[in-house]
N, C-alpha and C. Protein backbone atom coordinates (compact mmCIF):
# COMPACT_ATOMS: atom_id res chain seq x y z
N UNK A 1 -16.22 -12.84 16.50
CA UNK A 1 -16.56 -11.54 15.98
C UNK A 1 -16.64 -11.64 14.46
N UNK A 2 -17.70 -11.10 13.91
CA UNK A 2 -17.86 -11.11 12.46
C UNK A 2 -17.41 -9.77 11.90
N UNK A 3 -16.65 -9.83 10.80
CA UNK A 3 -16.19 -8.63 10.11
C UNK A 3 -16.67 -8.71 8.67
N UNK A 4 -17.10 -7.57 8.15
CA UNK A 4 -17.53 -7.51 6.77
C UNK A 4 -16.51 -6.72 5.97
N UNK A 5 -16.06 -7.31 4.87
CA UNK A 5 -15.09 -6.65 3.99
C UNK A 5 -15.51 -6.86 2.54
N UNK A 6 -15.02 -6.02 1.68
CA UNK A 6 -15.25 -6.17 0.24
C UNK A 6 -13.96 -6.66 -0.37
N UNK A 7 -14.03 -7.76 -1.09
CA UNK A 7 -12.85 -8.33 -1.74
C UNK A 7 -12.48 -7.49 -2.97
N UNK A 8 -11.19 -7.21 -3.12
CA UNK A 8 -10.72 -6.43 -4.27
C UNK A 8 -9.76 -7.24 -5.15
N UNK A 9 -9.79 -8.56 -4.99
CA UNK A 9 -8.87 -9.42 -5.74
C UNK A 9 -9.27 -9.59 -7.20
N UNK A 10 -10.54 -9.44 -7.50
CA UNK A 10 -11.00 -9.58 -8.88
C UNK A 10 -12.16 -8.61 -9.09
N UNK A 11 -12.67 -8.49 -10.31
CA UNK A 11 -13.75 -7.53 -10.58
C UNK A 11 -15.09 -7.82 -9.89
N UNK A 12 -15.27 -9.02 -9.33
CA UNK A 12 -16.55 -9.35 -8.71
C UNK A 12 -16.88 -8.47 -7.51
N UNK A 13 -15.89 -8.09 -6.72
CA UNK A 13 -16.12 -7.24 -5.55
C UNK A 13 -17.06 -7.88 -4.54
N UNK A 14 -16.81 -9.14 -4.22
CA UNK A 14 -17.68 -9.88 -3.31
C UNK A 14 -17.72 -9.25 -1.91
N UNK A 15 -18.92 -9.23 -1.33
CA UNK A 15 -19.08 -8.81 0.06
C UNK A 15 -18.82 -10.05 0.92
N UNK A 16 -17.75 -10.02 1.68
CA UNK A 16 -17.35 -11.17 2.48
C UNK A 16 -17.69 -10.96 3.94
N UNK A 17 -18.14 -12.02 4.58
CA UNK A 17 -18.37 -12.02 6.02
C UNK A 17 -17.36 -12.98 6.62
N UNK A 18 -16.48 -12.44 7.44
CA UNK A 18 -15.39 -13.23 8.02
C UNK A 18 -15.62 -13.35 9.51
N UNK A 19 -15.66 -14.59 9.99
CA UNK A 19 -15.82 -14.84 11.42
C UNK A 19 -14.43 -15.07 12.00
N UNK A 20 -14.04 -14.19 12.95
CA UNK A 20 -12.70 -14.23 13.53
C UNK A 20 -12.82 -14.39 15.04
N UNK A 21 -11.97 -15.25 15.59
CA UNK A 21 -11.93 -15.42 17.04
C UNK A 21 -10.50 -15.69 17.48
N UNK A 22 -10.04 -14.93 18.46
CA UNK A 22 -8.69 -15.09 19.02
C UNK A 22 -7.61 -15.05 17.93
N UNK A 23 -7.76 -14.14 16.98
CA UNK A 23 -6.76 -13.99 15.93
C UNK A 23 -6.77 -15.08 14.88
N UNK A 24 -7.83 -15.87 14.82
CA UNK A 24 -7.93 -16.95 13.84
C UNK A 24 -9.21 -16.79 13.03
N UNK A 25 -9.09 -17.06 11.72
CA UNK A 25 -10.25 -17.01 10.84
C UNK A 25 -10.98 -18.34 10.96
N UNK A 26 -12.25 -18.27 11.41
CA UNK A 26 -13.04 -19.48 11.57
C UNK A 26 -13.85 -19.82 10.32
N UNK A 27 -14.39 -18.78 9.67
CA UNK A 27 -15.15 -19.03 8.44
C UNK A 27 -15.18 -17.78 7.57
N UNK A 28 -15.38 -18.01 6.28
CA UNK A 28 -15.49 -16.93 5.30
C UNK A 28 -16.70 -17.24 4.43
N UNK A 29 -17.64 -16.29 4.37
CA UNK A 29 -18.84 -16.48 3.56
C UNK A 29 -18.93 -15.37 2.52
N UNK A 30 -19.47 -15.71 1.35
CA UNK A 30 -19.74 -14.71 0.32
C UNK A 30 -18.75 -14.68 -0.83
N UNK A 31 -17.70 -15.48 -0.78
CA UNK A 31 -16.70 -15.47 -1.83
C UNK A 31 -17.17 -16.27 -3.04
N UNK A 32 -17.03 -15.66 -4.22
CA UNK A 32 -17.39 -16.36 -5.45
C UNK A 32 -16.20 -17.07 -6.10
N UNK A 33 -14.99 -16.83 -5.58
CA UNK A 33 -13.81 -17.50 -6.13
C UNK A 33 -12.77 -17.74 -5.04
N UNK A 34 -11.77 -18.53 -5.35
CA UNK A 34 -10.72 -18.85 -4.38
C UNK A 34 -9.91 -17.63 -3.97
N UNK A 35 -9.79 -16.66 -4.87
CA UNK A 35 -9.03 -15.46 -4.56
C UNK A 35 -9.63 -14.74 -3.35
N UNK A 36 -10.93 -14.76 -3.24
CA UNK A 36 -11.62 -14.11 -2.13
C UNK A 36 -11.28 -14.72 -0.80
N UNK A 37 -11.14 -16.03 -0.77
CA UNK A 37 -10.80 -16.72 0.48
C UNK A 37 -9.41 -16.29 0.96
N UNK A 38 -8.47 -16.27 0.04
CA UNK A 38 -7.09 -15.87 0.38
C UNK A 38 -7.04 -14.39 0.76
N UNK A 39 -7.76 -13.56 0.00
CA UNK A 39 -7.78 -12.14 0.30
C UNK A 39 -8.31 -11.90 1.72
N UNK A 40 -9.41 -12.54 2.07
CA UNK A 40 -10.01 -12.35 3.39
C UNK A 40 -9.05 -12.76 4.51
N UNK A 41 -8.40 -13.89 4.36
CA UNK A 41 -7.44 -14.34 5.38
C UNK A 41 -6.33 -13.32 5.56
N UNK A 42 -5.75 -12.87 4.44
CA UNK A 42 -4.66 -11.90 4.51
C UNK A 42 -5.12 -10.56 5.07
N UNK A 43 -6.30 -10.11 4.65
CA UNK A 43 -6.81 -8.82 5.10
C UNK A 43 -7.08 -8.81 6.61
N UNK A 44 -7.51 -9.91 7.14
CA UNK A 44 -7.79 -9.99 8.57
C UNK A 44 -6.51 -10.22 9.38
N UNK A 45 -5.65 -11.12 8.92
CA UNK A 45 -4.48 -11.51 9.71
C UNK A 45 -3.23 -10.69 9.43
N UNK A 46 -3.05 -10.21 8.19
CA UNK A 46 -1.84 -9.48 7.83
C UNK A 46 -2.16 -8.47 6.73
N UNK A 47 -2.90 -7.41 7.06
CA UNK A 47 -3.27 -6.44 6.02
C UNK A 47 -2.07 -5.68 5.49
N UNK A 48 -2.00 -5.55 4.17
CA UNK A 48 -0.91 -4.82 3.52
C UNK A 48 -1.49 -3.83 2.52
N UNK A 49 -0.75 -2.76 2.27
CA UNK A 49 -1.19 -1.72 1.35
C UNK A 49 -0.01 -1.14 0.59
N UNK A 50 -0.27 -0.67 -0.64
CA UNK A 50 0.68 0.20 -1.32
C UNK A 50 0.51 1.58 -0.70
N UNK A 51 1.59 2.32 -0.56
CA UNK A 51 1.51 3.69 -0.05
C UNK A 51 1.78 4.63 -1.22
N UNK A 52 0.89 5.59 -1.41
CA UNK A 52 1.10 6.62 -2.42
C UNK A 52 1.07 7.97 -1.71
N UNK A 53 2.04 8.80 -2.03
CA UNK A 53 2.15 10.12 -1.41
C UNK A 53 2.99 11.01 -2.30
N UNK A 54 3.50 12.09 -1.77
CA UNK A 54 4.38 12.98 -2.52
C UNK A 54 5.59 13.35 -1.68
N UNK A 55 6.65 13.75 -2.37
CA UNK A 55 7.84 14.31 -1.72
C UNK A 55 8.13 15.65 -2.36
N UNK A 56 8.84 16.50 -1.64
CA UNK A 56 9.20 17.81 -2.18
C UNK A 56 10.28 17.64 -3.25
N UNK A 57 10.21 18.49 -4.27
CA UNK A 57 11.22 18.47 -5.32
C UNK A 57 11.64 19.90 -5.63
N UNK A 58 12.93 20.09 -5.84
CA UNK A 58 13.45 21.41 -6.21
C UNK A 58 13.96 21.35 -7.64
N UNK A 59 14.00 22.51 -8.30
CA UNK A 59 14.51 22.57 -9.66
C UNK A 59 13.52 22.08 -10.70
N UNK A 60 12.25 22.01 -10.34
CA UNK A 60 11.21 21.53 -11.24
C UNK A 60 10.10 22.59 -11.32
N UNK A 61 9.26 22.47 -12.33
CA UNK A 61 8.13 23.40 -12.45
C UNK A 61 7.04 23.08 -11.42
N UNK A 62 7.08 21.88 -10.85
CA UNK A 62 6.12 21.48 -9.83
C UNK A 62 6.82 21.36 -8.48
N UNK A 63 6.12 21.65 -7.38
CA UNK A 63 6.75 21.58 -6.06
C UNK A 63 6.77 20.19 -5.44
N UNK A 64 5.93 19.28 -5.96
CA UNK A 64 5.83 17.95 -5.38
C UNK A 64 5.97 16.87 -6.44
N UNK A 65 6.60 15.77 -6.04
CA UNK A 65 6.80 14.61 -6.90
C UNK A 65 5.95 13.46 -6.36
N UNK A 66 5.06 12.88 -7.17
CA UNK A 66 4.29 11.73 -6.69
C UNK A 66 5.18 10.49 -6.59
N UNK A 67 5.00 9.75 -5.50
CA UNK A 67 5.78 8.54 -5.25
C UNK A 67 4.86 7.44 -4.70
N UNK A 68 5.36 6.21 -4.73
CA UNK A 68 4.64 5.09 -4.13
C UNK A 68 5.65 4.05 -3.68
N UNK A 69 5.20 3.13 -2.86
CA UNK A 69 6.07 2.04 -2.47
C UNK A 69 6.14 1.03 -3.62
N UNK A 70 7.26 0.35 -3.72
CA UNK A 70 7.48 -0.61 -4.80
C UNK A 70 6.70 -1.90 -4.58
N UNK A 71 6.22 -2.09 -3.37
CA UNK A 71 5.44 -3.28 -3.02
C UNK A 71 4.54 -2.94 -1.84
N UNK A 72 3.52 -3.74 -1.58
CA UNK A 72 2.68 -3.46 -0.42
C UNK A 72 3.48 -3.61 0.87
N UNK A 73 3.11 -2.83 1.86
CA UNK A 73 3.76 -2.87 3.18
C UNK A 73 2.69 -3.12 4.23
N UNK A 74 3.08 -3.58 5.42
CA UNK A 74 2.09 -3.76 6.47
C UNK A 74 1.33 -2.46 6.74
N UNK A 75 0.03 -2.58 6.92
CA UNK A 75 -0.82 -1.41 7.07
C UNK A 75 -0.37 -0.50 8.21
N UNK A 76 0.17 -1.06 9.26
CA UNK A 76 0.59 -0.23 10.40
C UNK A 76 1.79 0.67 10.07
N UNK A 77 2.48 0.41 8.96
CA UNK A 77 3.60 1.26 8.55
C UNK A 77 3.18 2.40 7.62
N UNK A 78 1.98 2.35 7.09
CA UNK A 78 1.57 3.32 6.07
C UNK A 78 1.70 4.76 6.53
N UNK A 79 1.15 5.11 7.66
CA UNK A 79 1.21 6.51 8.11
C UNK A 79 2.64 6.91 8.46
N UNK A 80 3.44 5.98 8.94
CA UNK A 80 4.84 6.27 9.26
C UNK A 80 5.64 6.55 7.98
N UNK A 81 5.33 5.82 6.92
CA UNK A 81 6.01 6.04 5.64
C UNK A 81 5.62 7.40 5.06
N UNK A 82 4.34 7.76 5.15
CA UNK A 82 3.90 9.07 4.67
C UNK A 82 4.61 10.17 5.46
N UNK A 83 4.72 10.01 6.76
CA UNK A 83 5.39 11.02 7.60
C UNK A 83 6.87 11.14 7.22
N UNK A 84 7.53 10.01 7.01
CA UNK A 84 8.94 10.01 6.59
C UNK A 84 9.09 10.67 5.22
N UNK A 85 8.19 10.36 4.30
CA UNK A 85 8.25 10.94 2.95
C UNK A 85 8.06 12.45 2.99
N UNK A 86 7.30 12.95 3.93
CA UNK A 86 7.06 14.39 4.01
C UNK A 86 8.33 15.17 4.34
N UNK A 87 9.34 14.47 4.82
CA UNK A 87 10.62 15.11 5.17
C UNK A 87 11.67 14.95 4.06
N UNK A 88 11.33 14.23 3.00
CA UNK A 88 12.27 13.98 1.91
C UNK A 88 12.20 15.11 0.89
N UNK A 89 13.36 15.54 0.42
CA UNK A 89 13.43 16.54 -0.64
C UNK A 89 14.40 16.02 -1.70
N UNK A 90 13.97 16.00 -2.95
CA UNK A 90 14.81 15.54 -4.05
C UNK A 90 15.04 16.69 -5.02
N UNK A 91 16.04 16.52 -5.86
CA UNK A 91 16.38 17.54 -6.85
C UNK A 91 16.08 16.99 -8.24
N UNK A 92 15.45 17.82 -9.06
CA UNK A 92 15.16 17.44 -10.45
C UNK A 92 16.46 17.39 -11.23
N UNK A 93 16.55 16.58 -12.27
CA UNK A 93 15.49 15.78 -12.88
C UNK A 93 15.32 14.44 -12.17
N UNK A 94 14.10 13.92 -12.30
CA UNK A 94 13.75 12.61 -11.75
C UNK A 94 13.01 11.84 -12.83
N UNK A 95 13.31 10.55 -12.96
CA UNK A 95 12.64 9.71 -13.96
C UNK A 95 11.66 8.77 -13.26
N UNK A 96 10.56 8.49 -13.96
CA UNK A 96 9.58 7.55 -13.44
C UNK A 96 10.27 6.22 -13.09
N UNK A 97 9.95 5.66 -11.95
CA UNK A 97 10.55 4.41 -11.50
C UNK A 97 11.84 4.58 -10.71
N UNK A 98 12.37 5.80 -10.68
CA UNK A 98 13.61 6.07 -9.94
C UNK A 98 13.37 5.87 -8.45
N UNK A 99 14.32 5.21 -7.79
CA UNK A 99 14.22 4.99 -6.35
C UNK A 99 14.53 6.30 -5.63
N UNK A 100 13.60 6.74 -4.83
CA UNK A 100 13.73 7.98 -4.08
C UNK A 100 14.25 7.68 -2.67
N UNK A 101 13.75 6.61 -2.05
CA UNK A 101 14.18 6.19 -0.72
C UNK A 101 14.22 4.66 -0.69
N UNK A 102 15.43 4.07 -0.74
CA UNK A 102 15.51 2.61 -0.72
C UNK A 102 15.11 2.05 0.64
N UNK A 103 14.44 0.92 0.63
CA UNK A 103 14.05 0.19 1.84
C UNK A 103 13.54 1.13 2.93
N UNK A 104 12.53 1.91 2.59
CA UNK A 104 12.02 2.93 3.51
C UNK A 104 11.53 2.29 4.81
N UNK A 105 12.01 2.81 5.91
CA UNK A 105 11.70 2.34 7.26
C UNK A 105 11.93 0.83 7.42
N UNK A 106 12.92 0.31 6.73
CA UNK A 106 13.26 -1.11 6.78
C UNK A 106 12.06 -2.01 6.46
N UNK A 107 11.22 -1.52 5.56
CA UNK A 107 10.00 -2.25 5.20
C UNK A 107 10.24 -3.29 4.11
N UNK A 108 11.38 -3.17 3.44
CA UNK A 108 11.65 -4.02 2.28
C UNK A 108 11.18 -3.38 0.99
N UNK A 109 10.44 -2.28 1.10
CA UNK A 109 9.91 -1.57 -0.07
C UNK A 109 10.70 -0.30 -0.31
N UNK A 110 10.94 -0.02 -1.59
CA UNK A 110 11.57 1.24 -1.98
C UNK A 110 10.46 2.25 -2.24
N UNK A 111 10.75 3.52 -2.00
CA UNK A 111 9.85 4.59 -2.40
C UNK A 111 10.29 5.02 -3.78
N UNK A 112 9.40 4.90 -4.78
CA UNK A 112 9.79 5.17 -6.17
C UNK A 112 8.94 6.29 -6.77
N UNK A 113 9.54 7.01 -7.72
CA UNK A 113 8.84 8.09 -8.41
C UNK A 113 7.80 7.50 -9.36
N UNK A 114 6.63 8.12 -9.39
CA UNK A 114 5.59 7.66 -10.32
C UNK A 114 5.38 8.65 -11.46
N UNK A 115 6.31 9.59 -11.59
CA UNK A 115 6.25 10.57 -12.67
C UNK A 115 7.66 11.07 -12.94
N UNK A 116 7.94 11.34 -14.19
CA UNK A 116 9.22 11.98 -14.55
C UNK A 116 9.04 13.49 -14.47
N UNK A 117 10.02 14.17 -13.89
CA UNK A 117 10.01 15.63 -13.83
C UNK A 117 11.37 16.15 -14.21
N UNK A 118 11.39 17.16 -15.12
CA UNK A 118 12.64 17.77 -15.56
C UNK A 118 12.99 18.93 -14.67
């Protein structure tokens, strides 16, 4: 089965054609650099993403605090992390980089604030 993806490892944005069979990458075409080859393998075999969302905050002028994971997590955990975050409520003040939920869903990633709120 051939899959087409766009590489985001560098500014080139190469259109990659990846031939996959039985969970194995057979060939990768279209990469202009080595980063594209590695990106394609990882994207097909073990896709990971940063999760960005919001959590509720009290005692602030804004009702929501933007947060993200401290590292990429497996793609299949992304919606579960967003759902878990929707149930979190923090109290102001919060500083940028502050850990809001350590090791969220045992992913190895912390949920951290991406904005300071008084």
